Amino acid sequence: QVQLVESGGGLVQPGGSLRLSCAASGSIFSIVAVGWYRQSPGKQRELVATLTRGGTTNYADSVKGRFTISRDNAKSTVYLQMNSLRPEDTAIYYCNVGAVFWGQGTQVTVSS
C-alpha cells in the first residue's frame, strides 16, 4: 500500500507561483509513473502533467510552458512547479502514483 501526502497549495494572485509536493510511502515510487491531476467544481478530474520513470513528460495544453513536473526518487516525492498562474487554474490538485494511488488533494486558488 502506498500513502501520499500532498502540500503546497494555497491562495495566490494571478501571475504568481506555487510549488506542490507529494511525498509517497512505500518502495514502488522509483519504478512507476507519477502525475498531477486537478478538479474544479462541476467539472471532471483532468490530467495536468505526468512523468514516467524514464523521464518522459506529458502536459495538458492549458499548462504547457507554465507548469513543470519533476520527481526526486531518493525522497519519493513528486513536485509540480506552477508559474504564471491564472484564475482558471483554480482547482483541487491531486497527485497520482502508478496510476493507482491518489493523494488527498490540495486546494489551489488563484484570485486577486
Protein backbone atom coordinates (compact mmCIF):
# COMPACT_ATOMS: atom_id res chain seq x y z
CA GLN A 1 0.00 0.00 0.00
CA VAL A 2 1.24 3.48 -0.90
CA GLN A 3 0.21 6.57 1.03
CA LEU A 4 0.57 10.03 -0.48
CA VAL A 5 0.77 13.30 1.43
CA GLU A 6 0.37 16.49 -0.56
CA SER A 7 1.35 20.00 0.40
CA GLY A 8 1.96 23.42 -1.08
CA GLY A 9 -1.49 24.57 -2.10
CA GLY A 10 -2.94 27.93 -1.16
CA LEU A 11 -4.16 31.29 -2.36
CA VAL A 12 -2.10 33.17 -4.91
CA GLN A 13 -2.67 36.20 -7.11
CA PRO A 14 -2.84 35.86 -10.88
CA GLY A 15 0.66 35.70 -12.32
CA GLY A 16 2.04 34.20 -9.14
CA SER A 17 3.71 30.85 -8.48
CA LEU A 18 3.21 27.84 -6.26
CA ARG A 19 5.04 24.54 -5.87
CA LEU A 20 3.08 21.47 -4.93
CA SER A 21 4.76 18.47 -3.31
CA CYS A 22 3.58 14.91 -2.91
CA ALA A 23 5.53 12.58 -0.65
CA ALA A 24 4.95 8.86 -1.05
CA SER A 25 5.47 5.99 1.31
CA GLY A 26 6.34 2.52 0.08
CA SER A 27 9.06 1.19 -2.19
CA ILE A 28 7.50 1.40 -5.64
CA PHE A 29 7.89 5.12 -6.23
CA SER A 30 11.05 4.94 -8.31
CA ILE A 31 9.70 2.33 -10.70
CA VAL A 32 6.36 3.82 -11.66
CA ALA A 33 4.98 6.86 -13.44
CA VAL A 34 3.72 9.80 -11.41
CA GLY A 35 1.31 12.57 -12.24
CA TRP A 36 -0.79 15.51 -11.18
CA TYR A 37 -4.48 15.94 -11.89
CA ARG A 38 -6.97 18.63 -10.96
CA GLN A 39 -10.69 19.01 -10.48
CA SER A 40 -12.73 22.19 -10.47
CA PRO A 41 -16.30 22.44 -9.12
CA GLY A 42 -18.75 20.92 -11.57
CA LYS A 43 -16.01 19.51 -13.79
CA GLN A 44 -14.39 16.13 -14.22
CA ARG A 45 -10.92 15.44 -12.94
CA GLU A 46 -8.40 16.24 -15.66
CA LEU A 47 -4.78 15.46 -16.31
CA VAL A 48 -2.31 18.25 -15.62
CA ALA A 49 1.06 16.53 -16.08
CA THR A 50 2.65 13.11 -15.98
CA LEU A 51 6.23 11.90 -15.69
CA THR A 52 7.38 8.39 -16.48
CA ARG A 53 10.17 6.66 -14.61
CA GLY A 54 12.28 7.18 -17.72
CA GLY A 55 11.79 10.92 -17.60
CA THR A 56 9.20 11.45 -20.33
CA THR A 57 6.77 14.23 -19.53
CA ASN A 58 3.29 14.99 -20.78
CA TYR A 59 1.35 18.19 -20.10
CA ALA A 60 -2.15 19.41 -20.69
CA ASP A 61 -2.15 22.06 -23.39
CA SER A 62 -3.52 24.61 -20.95
CA VAL A 63 -0.43 24.40 -18.70
CA LYS A 64 2.37 23.87 -21.21
CA GLY A 65 5.15 26.36 -20.71
CA ARG A 66 3.86 27.35 -17.27
CA PHE A 67 3.93 24.16 -15.17
CA THR A 68 6.81 21.74 -14.63
CA ILE A 69 6.56 18.27 -13.13
CA SER A 70 9.60 16.70 -11.52
CA ARG A 71 10.47 13.90 -9.14
CA ASP A 72 13.09 13.07 -6.53
CA ASN A 73 13.24 9.30 -6.27
CA ALA A 74 15.56 9.45 -3.26
CA LYS A 75 12.84 11.32 -1.38
CA SER A 76 9.93 9.51 -3.05
CA THR A 77 8.48 12.90 -3.85
CA VAL A 78 6.89 14.38 -6.94
CA TYR A 79 6.63 18.12 -7.48
CA LEU A 80 4.57 20.47 -9.60
CA GLN A 81 6.05 23.91 -10.13
CA MET A 82 3.29 26.24 -11.27
CA ASN A 83 4.18 29.65 -12.70
CA SER A 84 2.13 32.40 -14.32
CA LEU A 85 -0.96 31.13 -12.56
CA ARG A 86 -4.37 32.09 -13.88
CA PRO A 87 -7.80 32.14 -12.26
CA GLU A 88 -8.78 29.16 -14.39
CA ASP A 89 -6.06 27.12 -12.68
CA THR A 90 -8.15 27.22 -9.51
CA ALA A 91 -8.91 23.62 -8.54
CA ILE A 92 -8.14 20.82 -6.15
CA TYR A 93 -4.89 19.23 -7.27
CA TYR A 94 -4.27 15.52 -6.78
CA CYS A 95 -1.07 13.56 -7.18
CA ASN A 96 -1.09 10.07 -8.58
CA VAL A 97 1.49 7.31 -8.32
CA GLY A 98 1.49 4.25 -10.51
CA ALA A 99 -1.91 5.10 -11.97
CA VAL A 100 -3.44 3.53 -8.87
CA PHE A 101 -2.70 5.55 -5.77
CA TRP A 102 -4.11 9.03 -5.15
CA GLY A 103 -3.33 11.81 -2.74
CA GLN A 104 -5.98 13.54 -0.67
CA GLY A 105 -5.87 16.68 -2.77
CA THR A 106 -4.66 20.20 -2.11
CA GLN A 107 -6.61 23.35 -2.93
CA VAL A 108 -5.10 25.93 -5.26
CA THR A 109 -6.95 29.22 -5.57
CA VAL A 110 -5.83 31.90 -7.99
CA SER A 111 -7.57 35.17 -7.29
CA SER A 112 -6.89 38.84 -6.77
